[in-house]
Amino acid sequence: MEPSDVGLIDIEIKTAYRAGTTSVYTVSGDRSSNLYQLDLNTGLASLVGNLGVSKDFEALAFSPSGVLYALEDSNFGLYTVNTFSGAATLVGSTGLSGADNPGMTFDDDGRLWLVGGNSTAKL
């Protein structure tokens, strides 16, 4: 078999690990309106709830205080997500523009870093 014969599957997995737990949270698919919790011990996923917004969320990250944040890539809005109901609440604009496959993380000081394309922002 030649390398060109091998089919590759492109899967976007938008997940955030909650420190000190066995839980990973994810949104599925483009413009998904649902939040799922995955149990790392069993591999089982359970629906948490509807986000209440139709956006393409590209990145998820937990703050040091345990708040789940989500970044969408149409207007690069930042949302908080309730891990009990799934409801997303707009925090505001991040200032990113034209970011390709944006991502985000919190540093040890609790600052949120956003990256994508040629843009970087610290909130």
N, C-alpha and C. Protein backbone atom coordinates (compact mmCIF):
# COMPACT_ATOMS: atom_id res chain seq x y z
N MET A 1 0.84 -1.17 0.00
CA MET A 1 0.00 0.00 0.00
C MET A 1 0.89 1.24 0.00
N GLU A 2 0.62 2.14 -0.89
CA GLU A 2 1.35 3.39 -0.99
C GLU A 2 0.79 4.40 0.01
N PRO A 3 1.65 5.34 0.52
CA PRO A 3 1.15 6.35 1.46
C PRO A 3 -0.03 7.14 0.90
N SER A 4 -0.08 7.34 -0.40
CA SER A 4 -1.18 8.11 -0.98
C SER A 4 -2.50 7.32 -0.95
N ASP A 5 -2.42 6.00 -0.72
CA ASP A 5 -3.62 5.17 -0.66
C ASP A 5 -4.28 5.18 0.72
N VAL A 6 -3.58 5.70 1.70
CA VAL A 6 -4.09 5.70 3.06
C VAL A 6 -5.04 6.87 3.23
N GLY A 7 -6.26 6.60 3.66
CA GLY A 7 -7.23 7.67 3.91
C GLY A 7 -7.06 8.24 5.29
N LEU A 8 -7.08 9.54 5.40
CA LEU A 8 -6.98 10.21 6.69
C LEU A 8 -8.31 10.83 7.03
N ILE A 9 -8.65 10.79 8.28
CA ILE A 9 -9.89 11.40 8.75
C ILE A 9 -9.52 12.65 9.54
N ASP A 10 -10.12 13.76 9.17
CA ASP A 10 -9.88 15.02 9.87
C ASP A 10 -11.01 15.21 10.88
N ILE A 11 -10.67 15.12 12.16
CA ILE A 11 -11.65 15.27 13.21
C ILE A 11 -11.22 16.41 14.12
N GLU A 12 -12.12 17.35 14.34
CA GLU A 12 -11.86 18.41 15.30
C GLU A 12 -12.43 17.97 16.64
N ILE A 13 -11.58 17.91 17.63
CA ILE A 13 -12.04 17.56 18.96
C ILE A 13 -11.82 18.77 19.85
N LYS A 14 -12.91 19.35 20.28
CA LYS A 14 -12.87 20.56 21.09
C LYS A 14 -13.17 20.15 22.52
N THR A 15 -12.13 19.97 23.32
CA THR A 15 -12.32 19.45 24.67
C THR A 15 -11.60 20.29 25.70
N ALA A 16 -12.05 20.19 26.93
CA ALA A 16 -11.38 20.80 28.08
C ALA A 16 -11.42 19.81 29.23
N TYR A 17 -10.28 19.61 29.85
CA TYR A 17 -10.17 18.72 31.00
C TYR A 17 -10.39 19.52 32.28
N ARG A 18 -11.19 19.00 33.17
CA ARG A 18 -11.42 19.65 34.46
C ARG A 18 -10.46 19.05 35.47
N ALA A 19 -9.50 19.86 35.93
CA ALA A 19 -8.46 19.40 36.85
C ALA A 19 -9.07 18.78 38.10
N GLY A 20 -8.45 17.69 38.55
CA GLY A 20 -8.88 17.04 39.76
C GLY A 20 -10.09 16.13 39.59
N THR A 21 -10.51 15.91 38.34
CA THR A 21 -11.66 15.05 38.08
C THR A 21 -11.30 14.04 37.00
N THR A 22 -12.24 13.22 36.66
CA THR A 22 -12.08 12.30 35.53
C THR A 22 -12.98 12.73 34.39
N SER A 23 -13.28 14.05 34.33
CA SER A 23 -14.21 14.56 33.33
C SER A 23 -13.53 15.41 32.27
N VAL A 24 -13.98 15.20 31.04
CA VAL A 24 -13.61 16.05 29.91
C VAL A 24 -14.92 16.56 29.33
N TYR A 25 -14.96 17.82 28.96
CA TYR A 25 -16.15 18.41 28.36
C TYR A 25 -15.87 18.73 26.90
N THR A 26 -16.88 18.58 26.07
CA THR A 26 -16.71 18.82 24.64
C THR A 26 -18.01 19.30 24.01
N VAL A 27 -17.88 20.01 22.91
CA VAL A 27 -19.01 20.31 22.03
C VAL A 27 -18.74 19.53 20.76
N SER A 28 -19.79 19.06 20.11
CA SER A 28 -19.57 18.22 18.95
C SER A 28 -20.03 18.89 17.67
N GLY A 29 -19.19 18.80 16.66
CA GLY A 29 -19.55 19.27 15.33
C GLY A 29 -19.63 20.77 15.20
N ASP A 30 -19.69 21.22 13.96
CA ASP A 30 -19.84 22.64 13.66
C ASP A 30 -21.22 23.11 14.06
N ARG A 31 -21.26 24.28 14.65
CA ARG A 31 -22.51 24.91 15.06
C ARG A 31 -23.34 24.01 15.97
N SER A 32 -22.65 23.17 16.71
CA SER A 32 -23.33 22.29 17.65
C SER A 32 -23.94 23.13 18.75
N SER A 33 -25.06 22.70 19.23
CA SER A 33 -25.68 23.43 20.32
C SER A 33 -25.71 22.61 21.59
N ASN A 34 -24.85 21.59 21.68
CA ASN A 34 -24.87 20.72 22.84
C ASN A 34 -23.49 20.58 23.49
N LEU A 35 -23.51 20.47 24.81
CA LEU A 35 -22.30 20.21 25.59
C LEU A 35 -22.39 18.78 26.10
N TYR A 36 -21.27 18.06 26.02
CA TYR A 36 -21.18 16.69 26.49
C TYR A 36 -20.10 16.58 27.54
N GLN A 37 -20.30 15.66 28.47
CA GLN A 37 -19.29 15.32 29.46
C GLN A 37 -18.82 13.90 29.17
N LEU A 38 -17.51 13.71 29.11
CA LEU A 38 -16.93 12.40 28.87
C LEU A 38 -16.24 11.93 30.14
N ASP A 39 -16.53 10.70 30.53
CA ASP A 39 -15.90 10.10 31.69
C ASP A 39 -14.64 9.37 31.23
N LEU A 40 -13.49 9.81 31.71
CA LEU A 40 -12.22 9.22 31.27
C LEU A 40 -12.04 7.79 31.75
N ASN A 41 -12.69 7.41 32.83
CA ASN A 41 -12.57 6.04 33.33
C ASN A 41 -13.37 5.05 32.52
N THR A 42 -14.57 5.45 32.10
CA THR A 42 -15.45 4.52 31.39
C THR A 42 -15.47 4.76 29.89
N GLY A 43 -15.09 5.97 29.46
CA GLY A 43 -15.17 6.32 28.04
C GLY A 43 -16.56 6.70 27.59
N LEU A 44 -17.50 6.76 28.53
CA LEU A 44 -18.88 7.08 28.19
C LEU A 44 -19.12 8.58 28.14
N ALA A 45 -19.90 8.99 27.16
CA ALA A 45 -20.27 10.39 27.03
C ALA A 45 -21.72 10.58 27.45
N SER A 46 -22.00 11.70 28.10
CA SER A 46 -23.38 12.01 28.45
C SER A 46 -23.68 13.46 28.08
N LEU A 47 -24.88 13.66 27.58
CA LEU A 47 -25.33 14.99 27.21
C LEU A 47 -25.55 15.80 28.47
N VAL A 48 -24.90 16.97 28.54
CA VAL A 48 -25.11 17.88 29.67
C VAL A 48 -26.32 18.75 29.37
N GLY A 49 -26.34 19.35 28.18
CA GLY A 49 -27.47 20.20 27.82
C GLY A 49 -27.17 21.05 26.61
N ASN A 50 -28.17 21.82 26.23
CA ASN A 50 -28.08 22.68 25.07
C ASN A 50 -27.37 23.98 25.43
N LEU A 51 -26.47 24.44 24.55
CA LEU A 51 -25.74 25.68 24.79
C LEU A 51 -26.62 26.91 24.63
N GLY A 52 -27.68 26.78 23.85
CA GLY A 52 -28.58 27.91 23.66
C GLY A 52 -28.12 28.92 22.64
N VAL A 53 -27.00 28.65 21.97
CA VAL A 53 -26.50 29.51 20.89
C VAL A 53 -26.02 28.62 19.76
N SER A 54 -26.15 29.11 18.54
CA SER A 54 -25.71 28.34 17.39
C SER A 54 -24.42 28.97 16.85
N LYS A 55 -23.31 28.54 17.39
CA LYS A 55 -21.99 29.05 17.00
C LYS A 55 -21.07 27.86 16.78
N ASP A 56 -19.99 28.09 16.06
CA ASP A 56 -18.97 27.07 15.86
C ASP A 56 -17.90 27.27 16.92
N PHE A 57 -18.05 26.58 18.03
CA PHE A 57 -17.07 26.71 19.11
C PHE A 57 -15.82 25.93 18.75
N GLU A 58 -14.69 26.61 18.80
CA GLU A 58 -13.41 26.04 18.38
C GLU A 58 -12.51 25.67 19.54
N ALA A 59 -12.74 26.24 20.71
CA ALA A 59 -11.83 25.99 21.83
C ALA A 59 -12.59 26.05 23.14
N LEU A 60 -12.16 25.21 24.07
CA LEU A 60 -12.70 25.18 25.43
C LEU A 60 -11.54 25.18 26.40
N ALA A 61 -11.72 25.84 27.56
CA ALA A 61 -10.69 25.82 28.59
C ALA A 61 -11.34 26.12 29.94
N PHE A 62 -10.84 25.44 30.97
CA PHE A 62 -11.29 25.71 32.33
C PHE A 62 -10.37 26.74 32.96
N SER A 63 -10.96 27.71 33.66
CA SER A 63 -10.18 28.66 34.44
C SER A 63 -9.70 27.96 35.71
N PRO A 64 -8.71 28.52 36.40
CA PRO A 64 -8.25 27.92 37.65
C PRO A 64 -9.36 27.81 38.69
N SER A 65 -10.39 28.66 38.59
CA SER A 65 -11.50 28.61 39.55
C SER A 65 -12.58 27.61 39.14
N GLY A 66 -12.40 26.93 37.98
CA GLY A 66 -13.34 25.90 37.56
C GLY A 66 -14.42 26.35 36.60
N VAL A 67 -14.34 27.57 36.09
CA VAL A 67 -15.32 28.07 35.12
C VAL A 67 -14.90 27.61 33.72
N LEU A 68 -15.86 27.03 32.98
CA LEU A 68 -15.59 26.58 31.61
C LEU A 68 -15.83 27.75 30.65
N TYR A 69 -14.84 28.02 29.81
CA TYR A 69 -14.94 29.07 28.79
C TYR A 69 -14.92 28.43 27.41
N ALA A 70 -15.62 29.06 26.48
CA ALA A 70 -15.69 28.58 25.10
C ALA A 70 -15.45 29.75 24.16
N LEU A 71 -14.71 29.50 23.09
CA LEU A 71 -14.40 30.51 22.08
C LEU A 71 -15.01 30.08 20.77
N GLU A 72 -15.80 30.98 20.16
CA GLU A 72 -16.39 30.68 18.86
C GLU A 72 -15.64 31.45 17.79
N ASP A 73 -15.69 30.93 16.55
CA ASP A 73 -14.83 31.52 15.52
C ASP A 73 -15.53 32.34 14.45
N SER A 74 -16.79 32.74 14.64
CA SER A 74 -17.40 33.62 13.65
C SER A 74 -17.10 35.08 13.99
N ASN A 75 -17.32 35.45 15.25
CA ASN A 75 -17.00 36.80 15.73
C ASN A 75 -15.93 36.77 16.81
N PHE A 76 -15.43 35.57 17.12
CA PHE A 76 -14.43 35.36 18.16
C PHE A 76 -14.92 35.85 19.51
N GLY A 77 -16.18 35.48 19.79
CA GLY A 77 -16.76 35.79 21.09
C GLY A 77 -16.35 34.78 22.13
N LEU A 78 -16.23 35.25 23.35
CA LEU A 78 -15.87 34.41 24.48
C LEU A 78 -17.12 34.18 25.32
N TYR A 79 -17.38 32.92 25.66
CA TYR A 79 -18.56 32.54 26.43
C TYR A 79 -18.14 31.78 27.68
N THR A 80 -18.95 31.87 28.73
CA THR A 80 -18.86 30.93 29.84
C THR A 80 -19.91 29.87 29.59
N VAL A 81 -19.63 28.65 30.05
CA VAL A 81 -20.55 27.54 29.83
C VAL A 81 -20.85 26.88 31.17
N ASN A 82 -22.12 26.76 31.49
CA ASN A 82 -22.56 26.12 32.71
C ASN A 82 -22.41 24.61 32.55
N THR A 83 -21.58 23.98 33.39
CA THR A 83 -21.31 22.54 33.25
C THR A 83 -22.42 21.67 33.83
N PHE A 84 -23.45 22.28 34.40
CA PHE A 84 -24.60 21.52 34.89
C PHE A 84 -25.76 21.55 33.91
N SER A 85 -25.94 22.69 33.21
CA SER A 85 -27.07 22.83 32.28
C SER A 85 -26.64 22.88 30.81
N GLY A 86 -25.39 23.26 30.57
CA GLY A 86 -24.91 23.43 29.20
C GLY A 86 -25.09 24.83 28.66
N ALA A 87 -25.82 25.68 29.36
CA ALA A 87 -26.12 27.03 28.87
C ALA A 87 -24.85 27.87 28.72
N ALA A 88 -24.71 28.52 27.55
CA ALA A 88 -23.58 29.40 27.27
C ALA A 88 -24.01 30.85 27.42
N THR A 89 -23.15 31.67 28.02
CA THR A 89 -23.41 33.09 28.23
C THR A 89 -22.27 33.89 27.63
N LEU A 90 -22.60 34.83 26.75
CA LEU A 90 -21.57 35.66 26.11
C LEU A 90 -20.91 36.55 27.15
N VAL A 91 -19.58 36.51 27.19
CA VAL A 91 -18.78 37.39 28.04
C VAL A 91 -18.47 38.65 27.25
N GLY A 92 -18.05 38.47 26.00
CA GLY A 92 -17.72 39.61 25.14
C GLY A 92 -16.80 39.21 24.02
N SER A 93 -16.37 40.19 23.27
CA SER A 93 -15.47 39.97 22.15
C SER A 93 -14.04 39.82 22.65
N THR A 94 -13.27 38.99 21.95
CA THR A 94 -11.88 38.77 22.35
C THR A 94 -10.91 39.72 21.65
N GLY A 95 -11.35 40.34 20.55
CA GLY A 95 -10.47 41.20 19.78
C GLY A 95 -9.71 40.46 18.70
N LEU A 96 -9.83 39.14 18.65
CA LEU A 96 -9.20 38.38 17.57
C LEU A 96 -9.98 38.62 16.29
N SER A 97 -9.28 38.54 15.17
CA SER A 97 -9.96 38.61 13.88
C SER A 97 -9.20 37.75 12.89
N GLY A 98 -9.93 37.04 12.07
CA GLY A 98 -9.32 36.22 11.04
C GLY A 98 -8.48 35.08 11.57
N ALA A 99 -8.71 34.67 12.79
CA ALA A 99 -7.92 33.59 13.36
C ALA A 99 -8.36 32.26 12.76
N ASP A 100 -7.40 31.46 12.36
CA ASP A 100 -7.68 30.16 11.79
C ASP A 100 -7.49 29.10 12.87
N ASN A 101 -8.53 28.32 13.16
CA ASN A 101 -8.48 27.29 14.20
C ASN A 101 -7.96 27.85 15.53
N PRO A 102 -8.68 28.81 16.12
CA PRO A 102 -8.21 29.43 17.36
C PRO A 102 -8.19 28.44 18.52
N GLY A 103 -7.36 28.74 19.48
CA GLY A 103 -7.26 27.94 20.68
C GLY A 103 -7.10 28.85 21.88
N MET A 104 -7.22 28.28 23.07
CA MET A 104 -7.04 29.09 24.28
C MET A 104 -6.62 28.22 25.44
N THR A 105 -6.00 28.87 26.42
CA THR A 105 -5.58 28.19 27.65
C THR A 105 -5.40 29.23 28.74
N PHE A 106 -5.43 28.78 29.96
CA PHE A 106 -5.12 29.63 31.11
C PHE A 106 -3.71 29.34 31.56
N ASP A 107 -2.98 30.40 31.96
CA ASP A 107 -1.64 30.18 32.50
C ASP A 107 -1.73 30.01 34.02
N ASP A 108 -0.59 29.80 34.65
CA ASP A 108 -0.56 29.55 36.10
C ASP A 108 -1.05 30.74 36.92
N ASP A 109 -1.03 31.93 36.34
CA ASP A 109 -1.50 33.12 37.04
C ASP A 109 -2.98 33.41 36.79
N GLY A 110 -3.66 32.50 36.06
CA GLY A 110 -5.09 32.67 35.81
C GLY A 110 -5.42 33.57 34.63
N ARG A 111 -4.41 33.95 33.84
CA ARG A 111 -4.66 34.76 32.65
C ARG A 111 -5.06 33.86 31.49
N LEU A 112 -6.03 34.32 30.73
CA LEU A 112 -6.50 33.57 29.58
C LEU A 112 -5.73 34.02 28.35
N TRP A 113 -5.14 33.05 27.64
CA TRP A 113 -4.40 33.31 26.41
C TRP A 113 -5.18 32.73 25.24
N LEU A 114 -5.32 33.52 24.19
CA LEU A 114 -6.02 33.11 22.98
C LEU A 114 -5.05 33.18 21.82
N VAL A 115 -5.08 32.18 20.95
CA VAL A 115 -4.23 32.17 19.77
C VAL A 115 -5.02 31.70 18.57
N GLY A 116 -4.57 32.16 17.41
CA GLY A 116 -5.21 31.71 16.18
C GLY A 116 -4.66 32.49 15.00
N GLY A 117 -4.26 31.76 13.95
CA GLY A 117 -3.69 32.44 12.78
C GLY A 117 -2.49 33.24 13.17
N ASN A 118 -2.52 34.52 12.89
CA ASN A 118 -1.41 35.42 13.23
C ASN A 118 -1.76 36.28 14.43
N SER A 119 -2.78 35.92 15.19
CA SER A 119 -3.23 36.74 16.30
C SER A 119 -2.99 36.05 17.63
N THR A 120 -2.63 36.84 18.62
CA THR A 120 -2.53 36.36 20.00
C THR A 120 -3.12 37.44 20.88
N ALA A 121 -3.88 37.06 21.85
CA ALA A 121 -4.47 38.02 22.79
C ALA A 121 -4.36 37.47 24.19
N LYS A 122 -4.13 38.36 25.14
CA LYS A 122 -4.13 37.99 26.55
C LYS A 122 -5.27 38.74 27.20
N LEU A 123 -6.17 38.02 27.86
CA LEU A 123 -7.31 38.68 28.51
C LEU A 123 -7.15 38.64 30.00
